[in-house]
Amino acid sequence: MEFNESKAIYLQIVDIVFKQILLKNIKEESRLPSIRELAVEMEVNPNTVVRSYTYMEQKNIIYKKRGVGYFVKENARKEILKDKKEIFIKETLPYIFEQMQELDLSIEDLIQFYETSK
């Protein structure tokens, strides 16, 4: 698997898992691949997957059952959506608004583009 060099690999793995949860390809309360399985699948060191799982555990998205593995928490999708919306509003939208100003685009222009892109 190819990773972007501008972001830590363990965070890119987190993004991949989060996206699968958001798309409902990974269901809440379902078991995640073992550390070794995911490391082989992603072609990374198992320690990288440990960092990813630890990060998601700290974010209350997954939990560990001793001797069984890692599982997606109930309401994980809701929590991921909440976090992603907050990041979008705080980080992405200000950049978009700045670009709109530079390009002399109005909200109406954006709405029109949005409507035609559905």
PDB file of N, CA and C in Angstrom:
ATOM      1  N   MET A   1       0.845  -1.181   0.000  1.00  0.00           N
ATOM      2  CA  MET A   1       0.000   0.000   0.000  1.00  0.00           C
ATOM      3  C   MET A   1       0.887   1.239   0.000  1.00  0.00           C
ATOM      4  N   GLU A   2       0.467   2.260  -0.705  1.00  0.00           N
ATOM      5  CA  GLU A   2       1.235   3.507  -0.753  1.00  0.00           C
ATOM      6  C   GLU A   2       0.636   4.520   0.204  1.00  0.00           C
ATOM      7  N   PHE A   3       1.532   5.162   0.950  1.00  0.00           N
ATOM      8  CA  PHE A   3       1.114   6.161   1.920  1.00  0.00           C
ATOM      9  C   PHE A   3       1.661   7.521   1.534  1.00  0.00           C
ATOM     10  N   ASN A   4       0.962   8.556   1.968  1.00  0.00           N
ATOM     11  CA  ASN A   4       1.363   9.936   1.756  1.00  0.00           C
ATOM     12  C   ASN A   4       2.482  10.277   2.735  1.00  0.00           C
ATOM     13  N   GLU A   5       3.554  10.862   2.257  1.00  0.00           N
ATOM     14  CA  GLU A   5       4.696  11.169   3.121  1.00  0.00           C
ATOM     15  C   GLU A   5       4.456  12.361   4.035  1.00  0.00           C
ATOM     16  N   SER A   6       3.417  13.135   3.791  1.00  0.00           N
ATOM     17  CA  SER A   6       3.191  14.349   4.582  1.00  0.00           C
ATOM     18  C   SER A   6       2.428  14.086   5.885  1.00  0.00           C
ATOM     19  N   LYS A   7       1.979  12.855   6.087  1.00  0.00           N
ATOM     20  CA  LYS A   7       1.209  12.524   7.292  1.00  0.00           C
ATOM     21  C   LYS A   7       1.716  11.192   7.842  1.00  0.00           C
ATOM     22  N   ALA A   8       1.759  11.083   9.158  1.00  0.00           N
ATOM     23  CA  ALA A   8       2.226   9.848   9.794  1.00  0.00           C
ATOM     24  C   ALA A   8       1.407   8.651   9.299  1.00  0.00           C
ATOM     25  N   ILE A   9       2.092   7.540   9.045  1.00  0.00           N
ATOM     26  CA  ILE A   9       1.429   6.347   8.518  1.00  0.00           C
ATOM     27  C   ILE A   9       0.348   5.846   9.471  1.00  0.00           C
ATOM     28  N   TYR A  10       0.624   5.872  10.765  1.00  0.00           N
ATOM     29  CA  TYR A  10      -0.379   5.356  11.706  1.00  0.00           C
ATOM     30  C   TYR A  10      -1.672   6.177  11.642  1.00  0.00           C
ATOM     31  N   LEU A  11      -1.553   7.484  11.379  1.00  0.00           N
ATOM     32  CA  LEU A  11      -2.750   8.329  11.246  1.00  0.00           C
ATOM     33  C   LEU A  11      -3.473   8.063   9.928  1.00  0.00           C
ATOM     34  N   GLN A  12      -2.722   7.718   8.899  1.00  0.00           N
ATOM     35  CA  GLN A  12      -3.351   7.365   7.626  1.00  0.00           C
ATOM     36  C   GLN A  12      -4.134   6.058   7.763  1.00  0.00           C
ATOM     37  N   ILE A  13      -3.606   5.136   8.559  1.00  0.00           N
ATOM     38  CA  ILE A  13      -4.331   3.889   8.827  1.00  0.00           C
ATOM     39  C   ILE A  13      -5.607   4.199   9.608  1.00  0.00           C
ATOM     40  N   VAL A  14      -5.509   5.091  10.583  1.00  0.00           N
ATOM     41  CA  VAL A  14      -6.690   5.530  11.338  1.00  0.00           C
ATOM     42  C   VAL A  14      -7.728   6.095  10.370  1.00  0.00           C
ATOM     43  N   ASP A  15      -7.300   6.953   9.451  1.00  0.00           N
ATOM     44  CA  ASP A  15      -8.224   7.542   8.471  1.00  0.00           C
ATOM     45  C   ASP A  15      -8.917   6.462   7.638  1.00  0.00           C
ATOM     46  N   ILE A  16      -8.161   5.445   7.244  1.00  0.00           N
ATOM     47  CA  ILE A  16      -8.723   4.350   6.440  1.00  0.00           C
ATOM     48  C   ILE A  16      -9.788   3.600   7.240  1.00  0.00           C
ATOM     49  N   VAL A  17      -9.476   3.275   8.488  1.00  0.00           N
ATOM     50  CA  VAL A  17     -10.439   2.562   9.340  1.00  0.00           C
ATOM     51  C   VAL A  17     -11.663   3.438   9.592  1.00  0.00           C
ATOM     52  N   PHE A  18     -11.439   4.718   9.902  1.00  0.00           N
ATOM     53  CA  PHE A  18     -12.561   5.635  10.135  1.00  0.00           C
ATOM     54  C   PHE A  18     -13.468   5.703   8.911  1.00  0.00           C
ATOM     55  N   LYS A  19     -12.871   5.792   7.735  1.00  0.00           N
ATOM     56  CA  LYS A  19     -13.669   5.873   6.505  1.00  0.00           C
ATOM     57  C   LYS A  19     -14.512   4.610   6.334  1.00  0.00           C
ATOM     58  N   GLN A  20     -13.929   3.455   6.633  1.00  0.00           N
ATOM     59  CA  GLN A  20     -14.673   2.198   6.519  1.00  0.00           C
ATOM     60  C   GLN A  20     -15.826   2.135   7.521  1.00  0.00           C
ATOM     61  N   ILE A  21     -15.616   2.715   8.706  1.00  0.00           N
ATOM     62  CA  ILE A  21     -16.698   2.783   9.698  1.00  0.00           C
ATOM     63  C   ILE A  21     -17.783   3.738   9.210  1.00  0.00           C
ATOM     64  N   LEU A  22     -17.384   4.887   8.674  1.00  0.00           N
ATOM     65  CA  LEU A  22     -18.359   5.860   8.169  1.00  0.00           C
ATOM     66  C   LEU A  22     -19.183   5.292   7.018  1.00  0.00           C
ATOM     67  N   LEU A  23     -18.528   4.517   6.149  1.00  0.00           N
ATOM     68  CA  LEU A  23     -19.223   3.908   5.011  1.00  0.00           C
ATOM     69  C   LEU A  23     -20.007   2.658   5.409  1.00  0.00           C
ATOM     70  N   LYS A  24     -19.910   2.300   6.687  1.00  0.00           N
ATOM     71  CA  LYS A  24     -20.578   1.121   7.256  1.00  0.00           C
ATOM     72  C   LYS A  24     -20.046  -0.187   6.684  1.00  0.00           C
ATOM     73  N   ASN A  25     -18.821  -0.162   6.149  1.00  0.00           N
ATOM     74  CA  ASN A  25     -18.158  -1.393   5.725  1.00  0.00           C
ATOM     75  C   ASN A  25     -17.620  -2.141   6.938  1.00  0.00           C
ATOM     76  N   ILE A  26     -17.328  -1.395   7.996  1.00  0.00           N
ATOM     77  CA  ILE A  26     -16.991  -1.976   9.295  1.00  0.00           C
ATOM     78  C   ILE A  26     -18.114  -1.548  10.230  1.00  0.00           C
ATOM     79  N   LYS A  27     -18.815  -2.506  10.766  1.00  0.00           N
ATOM     80  CA  LYS A  27     -19.983  -2.233  11.617  1.00  0.00           C
ATOM     81  C   LYS A  27     -19.567  -1.997  13.066  1.00  0.00           C
ATOM     82  N   GLU A  28     -20.390  -1.226  13.769  1.00  0.00           N
ATOM     83  CA  GLU A  28     -20.182  -1.040  15.201  1.00  0.00           C
ATOM     84  C   GLU A  28     -20.332  -2.387  15.900  1.00  0.00           C
ATOM     85  N   GLU A  29     -19.529  -2.585  16.923  1.00  0.00           N
ATOM     86  CA  GLU A  29     -19.465  -3.826  17.714  1.00  0.00           C
ATOM     87  C   GLU A  29     -18.825  -4.988  16.955  1.00  0.00           C
ATOM     88  N   SER A  30     -18.314  -4.737  15.738  1.00  0.00           N
ATOM     89  CA  SER A  30     -17.645  -5.819  15.016  1.00  0.00           C
ATOM     90  C   SER A  30     -16.156  -5.828  15.358  1.00  0.00           C
ATOM     91  N   ARG A  31     -15.547  -6.980  15.164  1.00  0.00           N
ATOM     92  CA  ARG A  31     -14.134  -7.165  15.464  1.00  0.00           C
ATOM     93  C   ARG A  31     -13.289  -6.601  14.329  1.00  0.00           C
ATOM     94  N   LEU A  32     -12.220  -5.911  14.704  1.00  0.00           N
ATOM     95  CA  LEU A  32     -11.261  -5.408  13.720  1.00  0.00           C
ATOM     96  C   LEU A  32     -10.236  -6.498  13.428  1.00  0.00           C
ATOM     97  N   PRO A  33      -9.521  -6.388  12.313  1.00  0.00           N
ATOM     98  CA  PRO A  33      -8.449  -7.355  12.060  1.00  0.00           C
ATOM     99  C   PRO A  33      -7.420  -7.307  13.196  1.00  0.00           C
ATOM    100  N   SER A  34      -6.766  -8.431  13.425  1.00  0.00           N
ATOM    101  CA  SER A  34      -5.714  -8.448  14.442  1.00  0.00           C
ATOM    102  C   SER A  34      -4.594  -7.506  14.006  1.00  0.00           C
ATOM    103  N   ILE A  35      -3.744  -7.167  14.946  1.00  0.00           N
ATOM    104  CA  ILE A  35      -2.616  -6.282  14.637  1.00  0.00           C
ATOM    105  C   ILE A  35      -1.780  -6.877  13.514  1.00  0.00           C
ATOM    106  N   ARG A  36      -1.476  -8.150  13.626  1.00  0.00           N
ATOM    107  CA  ARG A  36      -0.656  -8.816  12.603  1.00  0.00           C
ATOM    108  C   ARG A  36      -1.366  -8.841  11.251  1.00  0.00           C
ATOM    109  N   GLU A  37      -2.663  -9.163  11.251  1.00  0.00           N
ATOM    110  CA  GLU A  37      -3.431  -9.206   9.995  1.00  0.00           C
ATOM    111  C   GLU A  37      -3.422  -7.852   9.293  1.00  0.00           C
ATOM    112  N   LEU A  38      -3.687  -6.799  10.050  1.00  0.00           N
ATOM    113  CA  LEU A  38      -3.736  -5.470   9.442  1.00  0.00           C
ATOM    114  C   LEU A  38      -2.352  -5.024   8.985  1.00  0.00           C
ATOM    115  N   ALA A  39      -1.321  -5.381   9.749  1.00  0.00           N
ATOM    116  CA  ALA A  39       0.052  -5.030   9.360  1.00  0.00           C
ATOM    117  C   ALA A  39       0.412  -5.678   8.026  1.00  0.00           C
ATOM    118  N   VAL A  40       0.042  -6.936   7.858  1.00  0.00           N
ATOM    119  CA  VAL A  40       0.308  -7.637   6.594  1.00  0.00           C
ATOM    120  C   VAL A  40      -0.496  -6.995   5.467  1.00  0.00           C
ATOM    121  N   GLU A  41      -1.771  -6.737   5.716  1.00  0.00           N
ATOM    122  CA  GLU A  41      -2.646  -6.136   4.700  1.00  0.00           C
ATOM    123  C   GLU A  41      -2.146  -4.758   4.268  1.00  0.00           C
ATOM    124  N   MET A  42      -1.699  -3.947   5.234  1.00  0.00           N
ATOM    125  CA  MET A  42      -1.253  -2.582   4.949  1.00  0.00           C
ATOM    126  C   MET A  42       0.233  -2.497   4.588  1.00  0.00           C
ATOM    127  N   GLU A  43       0.918  -3.634   4.724  1.00  0.00           N
ATOM    128  CA  GLU A  43       2.356  -3.691   4.437  1.00  0.00           C
ATOM    129  C   GLU A  43       3.141  -2.726   5.317  1.00  0.00           C
ATOM    130  N   VAL A  44       2.854  -2.770   6.628  1.00  0.00           N
ATOM    131  CA  VAL A  44       3.539  -1.920   7.597  1.00  0.00           C
ATOM    132  C   VAL A  44       4.020  -2.776   8.766  1.00  0.00           C
ATOM    133  N   ASN A  45       4.862  -2.185   9.590  1.00  0.00           N
ATOM    134  CA  ASN A  45       5.337  -2.826  10.801  1.00  0.00           C
ATOM    135  C   ASN A  45       4.162  -2.974  11.777  1.00  0.00           C
ATOM    136  N   PRO A  46       4.054  -4.105  12.473  1.00  0.00           N
ATOM    137  CA  PRO A  46       2.971  -4.263  13.454  1.00  0.00           C
ATOM    138  C   PRO A  46       2.923  -3.145  14.500  1.00  0.00           C
ATOM    139  N   ASN A  47       4.074  -2.570  14.847  1.00  0.00           N
ATOM    140  CA  ASN A  47       4.093  -1.466  15.814  1.00  0.00           C
ATOM    141  C   ASN A  47       3.319  -0.252  15.307  1.00  0.00           C
ATOM    142  N   THR A  48       3.292  -0.067  13.994  1.00  0.00           N
ATOM    143  CA  THR A  48       2.533   1.038  13.399  1.00  0.00           C
ATOM    144  C   THR A  48       1.037   0.814  13.621  1.00  0.00           C
ATOM    145  N   VAL A  49       0.596  -0.423  13.454  1.00  0.00           N
ATOM    146  CA  VAL A  49      -0.813  -0.755  13.683  1.00  0.00           C
ATOM    147  C   VAL A  49      -1.148  -0.599  15.166  1.00  0.00           C
ATOM    148  N   VAL A  50      -0.222  -0.986  16.039  1.00  0.00           N
ATOM    149  CA  VAL A  50      -0.432  -0.798  17.478  1.00  0.00           C
ATOM    150  C   VAL A  50      -0.671   0.680  17.767  1.00  0.00           C
ATOM    151  N   ARG A  51       0.138   1.559  17.166  1.00  0.00           N
ATOM    152  CA  ARG A  51      -0.051   3.007  17.355  1.00  0.00           C
ATOM    153  C   ARG A  51      -1.420   3.452  16.854  1.00  0.00           C
ATOM    154  N   SER A  52      -1.843   2.925  15.707  1.00  0.00           N
ATOM    155  CA  SER A  52      -3.162   3.268  15.146  1.00  0.00           C
ATOM    156  C   SER A  52      -4.278   2.832  16.086  1.00  0.00           C
ATOM    157  N   TYR A  53      -4.207   1.605  16.554  1.00  0.00           N
ATOM    158  CA  TYR A  53      -5.240   1.079  17.445  1.00  0.00           C
ATOM    159  C   TYR A  53      -5.240   1.824  18.777  1.00  0.00           C
ATOM    160  N   THR A  54      -4.056   2.140  19.289  1.00  0.00           N
ATOM    161  CA  THR A  54      -3.964   2.897  20.543  1.00  0.00           C
ATOM    162  C   THR A  54      -4.603   4.268  20.380  1.00  0.00           C
ATOM    163  N   TYR A  55      -4.329   4.923  19.261  1.00  0.00           N
ATOM    164  CA  TYR A  55      -4.916   6.234  18.976  1.00  0.00           C
ATOM    165  C   TYR A  55      -6.442   6.139  18.941  1.00  0.00           C
ATOM    166  N   MET A  56      -6.960   5.136  18.232  1.00  0.00           N
ATOM    167  CA  MET A  56      -8.415   4.983  18.123  1.00  0.00           C
ATOM    168  C   MET A  56      -9.042   4.618  19.468  1.00  0.00           C
ATOM    169  N   GLU A  57      -8.307   3.871  20.275  1.00  0.00           N
ATOM    170  CA  GLU A  57      -8.779   3.532  21.620  1.00  0.00           C
ATOM    171  C   GLU A  57      -8.875   4.797  22.476  1.00  0.00           C
ATOM    172  N   GLN A  58      -7.861   5.657  22.372  1.00  0.00           N
ATOM    173  CA  GLN A  58      -7.857   6.912  23.127  1.00  0.00           C
ATOM    174  C   GLN A  58      -8.971   7.849  22.674  1.00  0.00           C
ATOM    175  N   LYS A  59      -9.363   7.740  21.419  1.00  0.00           N
ATOM    176  CA  LYS A  59     -10.457   8.552  20.870  1.00  0.00           C
ATOM    177  C   LYS A  59     -11.832   7.928  21.157  1.00  0.00           C
ATOM    178  N   ASN A  60     -11.835   6.808  21.872  1.00  0.00           N
ATOM    179  CA  ASN A  60     -13.072   6.092  22.220  1.00  0.00           C
ATOM    180  C   ASN A  60     -13.846   5.592  21.003  1.00  0.00           C
ATOM    181  N   ILE A  61     -13.115   5.161  19.988  1.00  0.00           N
ATOM    182  CA  ILE A  61     -13.734   4.619  18.785  1.00  0.00           C
ATOM    183  C   ILE A  61     -13.700   3.095  18.818  1.00  0.00           C
ATOM    184  N   ILE A  62     -12.647   2.545  19.405  1.00  0.00           N
ATOM    185  CA  ILE A  62     -12.526   1.095  19.517  1.00  0.00           C
ATOM    186  C   ILE A  62     -12.207   0.732  20.965  1.00  0.00           C
ATOM    187  N   TYR A  63     -12.373  -0.537  21.267  1.00  0.00           N
ATOM    188  CA  TYR A  63     -11.991  -1.044  22.589  1.00  0.00           C
ATOM    189  C   TYR A  63     -11.371  -2.425  22.425  1.00  0.00           C
ATOM    190  N   LYS A  64     -10.616  -2.823  23.431  1.00  0.00           N
ATOM    191  CA  LYS A  64      -9.902  -4.092  23.387  1.00  0.00           C
ATOM    192  C   LYS A  64     -10.538  -5.077  24.361  1.00  0.00           C
ATOM    193  N   LYS A  65     -10.782  -6.294  23.862  1.00  0.00           N
ATOM    194  CA  LYS A  65     -11.201  -7.399  24.723  1.00  0.00           C
ATOM    195  C   LYS A  65      -9.975  -8.286  24.888  1.00  0.00           C
ATOM    196  N   ARG A  66      -9.508  -8.370  26.099  1.00  0.00           N
ATOM    197  CA  ARG A  66      -8.285  -9.122  26.376  1.00  0.00           C
ATOM    198  C   ARG A  66      -8.385 -10.548  25.821  1.00  0.00           C
ATOM    199  N   GLY A  67      -7.394 -10.901  25.021  1.00  0.00           N
ATOM    200  CA  GLY A  67      -7.326 -12.236  24.449  1.00  0.00           C
ATOM    201  C   GLY A  67      -8.222 -12.465  23.250  1.00  0.00           C
ATOM    202  N   VAL A  68      -9.045 -11.478  22.905  1.00  0.00           N
ATOM    203  CA  VAL A  68      -9.981 -11.644  21.788  1.00  0.00           C
ATOM    204  C   VAL A  68      -9.633 -10.711  20.634  1.00  0.00           C
ATOM    205  N   GLY A  69      -9.341  -9.450  20.947  1.00  0.00           N
ATOM    206  CA  GLY A  69      -8.983  -8.496  19.906  1.00  0.00           C
ATOM    207  C   GLY A  69      -9.630  -7.143  20.118  1.00  0.00           C
ATOM    208  N   TYR A  70      -9.592  -6.356  19.061  1.00  0.00           N
ATOM    209  CA  TYR A  70     -10.141  -4.995  19.093  1.00  0.00           C
ATOM    210  C   TYR A  70     -11.504  -4.976  18.414  1.00  0.00           C
ATOM    211  N   PHE A  71     -12.411  -4.171  18.977  1.00  0.00           N
ATOM    212  CA  PHE A  71     -13.775  -4.064  18.470  1.00  0.00           C
ATOM    213  C   PHE A  71     -14.161  -2.597  18.326  1.00  0.00           C
ATOM    214  N   VAL A  72     -15.056  -2.334  17.371  1.00  0.00           N
ATOM    215  CA  VAL A  72     -15.571  -0.983  17.159  1.00  0.00           C
ATOM    216  C   VAL A  72     -16.653  -0.728  18.202  1.00  0.00           C
ATOM    217  N   LYS A  73     -16.561   0.411  18.867  1.00  0.00           N
ATOM    218  CA  LYS A  73     -17.541   0.757  19.904  1.00  0.00           C
ATOM    219  C   LYS A  73     -18.891   1.113  19.293  1.00  0.00           C
ATOM    220  N   GLU A  74     -19.923   0.910  20.088  1.00  0.00           N
ATOM    221  CA  GLU A  74     -21.250   1.387  19.720  1.00  0.00           C
ATOM    222  C   GLU A  74     -21.172   2.918  19.659  1.00  0.00           C
ATOM    223  N   ASN A  75     -21.807   3.523  18.703  1.00  0.00           N
ATOM    224  CA  ASN A  75     -21.801   4.978  18.475  1.00  0.00           C
ATOM    225  C   ASN A  75     -20.470   5.506  17.942  1.00  0.00           C
ATOM    226  N   ALA A  76     -19.585   4.623  17.492  1.00  0.00           N
ATOM    227  CA  ALA A  76     -18.300   5.059  16.937  1.00  0.00           C
ATOM    228  C   ALA A  76     -18.510   5.936  15.707  1.00  0.00           C
ATOM    229  N   ARG A  77     -19.434   5.536  14.852  1.00  0.00           N
ATOM    230  CA  ARG A  77     -19.702   6.302  13.626  1.00  0.00           C
ATOM    231  C   ARG A  77     -20.137   7.721  13.971  1.00  0.00           C
ATOM    232  N   LYS A  78     -21.004   7.841  14.952  1.00  0.00           N
ATOM    233  CA  LYS A  78     -21.494   9.150  15.395  1.00  0.00           C
ATOM    234  C   LYS A  78     -20.335  10.012  15.911  1.00  0.00           C
ATOM    235  N   GLU A  79     -19.436   9.417  16.676  1.00  0.00           N
ATOM    236  CA  GLU A  79     -18.279  10.142  17.221  1.00  0.00           C
ATOM    237  C   GLU A  79     -17.324  10.586  16.114  1.00  0.00           C
ATOM    238  N   ILE A  80     -17.089   9.704  15.153  1.00  0.00           N
ATOM    239  CA  ILE A  80     -16.206  10.048  14.030  1.00  0.00           C
ATOM    240  C   ILE A  80     -16.809  11.200  13.240  1.00  0.00           C
ATOM    241  N   LEU A  81     -18.110  11.116  12.945  1.00  0.00           N
ATOM    242  CA  LEU A  81     -18.791  12.196  12.217  1.00  0.00           C
ATOM    243  C   LEU A  81     -18.677  13.519  12.959  1.00  0.00           C
ATOM    244  N   LYS A  82     -18.894  13.483  14.266  1.00  0.00           N
ATOM    245  CA  LYS A  82     -18.808  14.697  15.078  1.00  0.00           C
ATOM    246  C   LYS A  82     -17.411  15.314  14.973  1.00  0.00           C
ATOM    247  N   ASP A  83     -16.376  14.489  15.121  1.00  0.00           N
ATOM    248  CA  ASP A  83     -15.000  14.984  15.037  1.00  0.00           C
ATOM    249  C   ASP A  83     -14.669  15.515  13.646  1.00  0.00           C
ATOM    250  N   LYS A  84     -15.080  14.771  12.617  1.00  0.00           N
ATOM    251  CA  LYS A  84     -14.776  15.193  11.245  1.00  0.00           C
ATOM    252  C   LYS A  84     -15.496  16.489  10.884  1.00  0.00           C
ATOM    253  N   LYS A  85     -16.736  16.641  11.337  1.00  0.00           N
ATOM    254  CA  LYS A  85     -17.474  17.886  11.090  1.00  0.00           C
ATOM    255  C   LYS A  85     -16.782  19.059  11.770  1.00  0.00           C
ATOM    256  N   GLU A  86     -16.334  18.849  13.002  1.00  0.00           N
ATOM    257  CA  GLU A  86     -15.648  19.911  13.737  1.00  0.00           C
ATOM    258  C   GLU A  86     -14.362  20.330  13.028  1.00  0.00           C
ATOM    259  N   ILE A  87     -13.594  19.362  12.556  1.00  0.00           N
ATOM    260  CA  ILE A  87     -12.360  19.660  11.821  1.00  0.00           C
ATOM    261  C   ILE A  87     -12.688  20.398  10.530  1.00  0.00           C
ATOM    262  N   PHE A  88     -13.727  19.943   9.824  1.00  0.00           N
ATOM    263  CA  PHE A  88     -14.131  20.592   8.578  1.00  0.00           C
ATOM    264  C   PHE A  88     -14.498  22.051   8.824  1.00  0.00           C
ATOM    265  N   ILE A  89     -15.279  22.301   9.862  1.00  0.00           N
ATOM    266  CA  ILE A  89     -15.730  23.666  10.160  1.00  0.00           C
ATOM    267  C   ILE A  89     -14.574  24.551  10.611  1.00  0.00           C
ATOM    268  N   LYS A  90     -13.676  24.013  11.415  1.00  0.00           N
ATOM    269  CA  LYS A  90     -12.587  24.826  11.963  1.00  0.00           C
ATOM    270  C   LYS A  90     -11.397  24.986  11.023  1.00  0.00           C
ATOM    271  N   GLU A  91     -11.147  23.974  10.180  1.00  0.00           N
ATOM    272  CA  GLU A  91      -9.941  24.010   9.353  1.00  0.00           C
ATOM    273  C   GLU A  91     -10.211  24.165   7.859  1.00  0.00           C
ATOM    274  N   THR A  92     -11.135  23.382   7.341  1.00  0.00           N
ATOM    275  CA  THR A  92     -11.361  23.376   5.896  1.00  0.00           C
ATOM    276  C   THR A  92     -12.174  24.573   5.427  1.00  0.00           C
ATOM    277  N   LEU A  93     -13.278  24.853   6.108  1.00  0.00           N
ATOM    278  CA  LEU A  93     -14.138  25.966   5.682  1.00  0.00           C
ATOM    279  C   LEU A  93     -13.421  27.315   5.653  1.00  0.00           C
ATOM    280  N   PRO A  94     -12.633  27.666   6.669  1.00  0.00           N
ATOM    281  CA  PRO A  94     -11.929  28.949   6.586  1.00  0.00           C
ATOM    282  C   PRO A  94     -11.039  29.049   5.341  1.00  0.00           C
ATOM    283  N   TYR A  95     -10.388  27.942   4.986  1.00  0.00           N
ATOM    284  CA  TYR A  95      -9.556  27.928   3.781  1.00  0.00           C
ATOM    285  C   TYR A  95     -10.427  28.105   2.535  1.00  0.00           C
ATOM    286  N   ILE A  96     -11.551  27.415   2.490  1.00  0.00           N
ATOM    287  CA  ILE A  96     -12.464  27.539   1.346  1.00  0.00           C
ATOM    288  C   ILE A  96     -12.974  28.972   1.224  1.00  0.00           C
ATOM    289  N   PHE A  97     -13.358  29.568   2.346  1.00  0.00           N
ATOM    290  CA  PHE A  97     -13.859  30.949   2.315  1.00  0.00           C
ATOM    291  C   PHE A  97     -12.776  31.921   1.849  1.00  0.00           C
ATOM    292  N   GLU A  98     -11.555  31.675   2.268  1.00  0.00           N
ATOM    293  CA  GLU A  98     -10.435  32.519   1.826  1.00  0.00           C
ATOM    294  C   GLU A  98     -10.248  32.405   0.314  1.00  0.00           C
ATOM    295  N   GLN A  99     -10.309  31.175  -0.190  1.00  0.00           N
ATOM    296  CA  GLN A  99     -10.177  30.951  -1.630  1.00  0.00           C
ATOM    297  C   GLN A  99     -11.341  31.579  -2.396  1.00  0.00           C
ATOM    298  N   MET A 100     -12.535  31.498  -1.841  1.00  0.00           N
ATOM    299  CA  MET A 100     -13.701  32.104  -2.483  1.00  0.00           C
ATOM    300  C   MET A 100     -13.524  33.609  -2.613  1.00  0.00           C
ATOM    301  N   GLN A 101     -12.999  34.221  -1.567  1.00  0.00           N
ATOM    302  CA  GLN A 101     -12.772  35.666  -1.605  1.00  0.00           C
ATOM    303  C   GLN A 101     -11.762  36.020  -2.689  1.00  0.00           C
ATOM    304  N   GLU A 102     -10.678  35.275  -2.738  1.00  0.00           N
ATOM    305  CA  GLU A 102      -9.640  35.537  -3.739  1.00  0.00           C
ATOM    306  C   GLU A 102     -10.170  35.371  -5.155  1.00  0.00           C
ATOM    307  N   LEU A 103     -11.059  34.410  -5.340  1.00  0.00           N
ATOM    308  CA  LEU A 103     -11.591  34.113  -6.669  1.00  0.00           C
ATOM    309  C   LEU A 103     -12.909  34.819  -6.963  1.00  0.00           C
ATOM    310  N   ASP A 104     -13.336  35.650  -6.029  1.00  0.00           N
ATOM    311  CA  ASP A 104     -14.574  36.405  -6.177  1.00  0.00           C
ATOM    312  C   ASP A 104     -15.775  35.486  -6.432  1.00  0.00           C
ATOM    313  N   LEU A 105     -15.847  34.416  -5.645  1.00  0.00           N
ATOM    314  CA  LEU A 105     -16.974  33.488  -5.717  1.00  0.00           C
ATOM    315  C   LEU A 105     -17.931  33.782  -4.573  1.00  0.00           C
ATOM    316  N   SER A 106     -19.206  33.685  -4.859  1.00  0.00           N
ATOM    317  CA  SER A 106     -20.215  33.934  -3.823  1.00  0.00           C
ATOM    318  C   SER A 106     -20.740  32.604  -3.278  1.00  0.00           C
ATOM    319  N   ILE A 107     -21.472  32.709  -2.188  1.00  0.00           N
ATOM    320  CA  ILE A 107     -22.135  31.527  -1.627  1.00  0.00           C
ATOM    321  C   ILE A 107     -23.113  30.958  -2.656  1.00  0.00           C
ATOM    322  N   GLU A 108     -23.768  31.834  -3.381  1.00  0.00           N
ATOM    323  CA  GLU A 108     -24.713  31.398  -4.412  1.00  0.00           C
ATOM    324  C   GLU A 108     -23.999  30.577  -5.487  1.00  0.00           C
ATOM    325  N   ASP A 109     -22.776  31.009  -5.854  1.00  0.00           N
ATOM    326  CA  ASP A 109     -21.986  30.241  -6.824  1.00  0.00           C
ATOM    327  C   ASP A 109     -21.716  28.835  -6.293  1.00  0.00           C
ATOM    328  N   LEU A 110     -21.370  28.772  -5.030  1.00  0.00           N
ATOM    329  CA  LEU A 110     -21.100  27.473  -4.404  1.00  0.00           C
ATOM    330  C   LEU A 110     -22.342  26.596  -4.379  1.00  0.00           C
ATOM    331  N   ILE A 111     -23.460  27.186  -4.012  1.00  0.00           N
ATOM    332  CA  ILE A 111     -24.717  26.440  -3.963  1.00  0.00           C
ATOM    333  C   ILE A 111     -25.061  25.907  -5.348  1.00  0.00           C
ATOM    334  N   GLN A 112     -24.898  26.745  -6.355  1.00  0.00           N
ATOM    335  CA  GLN A 112     -25.188  26.328  -7.725  1.00  0.00           C
ATOM    336  C   GLN A 112     -24.272  25.172  -8.136  1.00  0.00           C
ATOM    337  N   PHE A 113     -22.988  25.288  -7.830  1.00  0.00           N
ATOM    338  CA  PHE A 113     -22.052  24.212  -8.151  1.00  0.00           C
ATOM    339  C   PHE A 113     -22.432  22.935  -7.404  1.00  0.00           C
ATOM    340  N   TYR A 114     -22.782  23.088  -6.138  1.00  0.00           N
ATOM    341  CA  TYR A 114     -23.188  21.937  -5.324  1.00  0.00           C
ATOM    342  C   TYR A 114     -24.413  21.248  -5.930  1.00  0.00           C
ATOM    343  N   GLU A 115     -25.402  22.023  -6.313  1.00  0.00           N
ATOM    344  CA  GLU A 115     -26.636  21.468  -6.880  1.00  0.00           C
ATOM    345  C   GLU A 115     -26.375  20.731  -8.192  1.00  0.00           C
ATOM    346  N   THR A 116     -25.495  21.258  -9.026  1.00  0.00           N
ATOM    347  CA  THR A 116     -25.216  20.610 -10.311  1.00  0.00           C
ATOM    348  C   THR A 116     -24.292  19.404 -10.167  1.00  0.00           C
ATOM    349  N   SER A 117     -23.596  19.298  -9.038  1.00  0.00           N
ATOM    350  CA  SER A 117     -22.665  18.177  -8.865  1.00  0.00           C
ATOM    351  C   SER A 117     -23.307  16.957  -8.213  1.00  0.00           C
ATOM    352  N   LYS A 118     -24.577  17.054  -7.831  1.00  0.00           N
ATOM    353  CA  LYS A 118     -25.275  15.920  -7.184  1.00  0.00           C
ATOM    354  C   LYS A 118     -25.489  14.786  -8.146  1.00  0.00           C
TER     355      LYS A 118
END
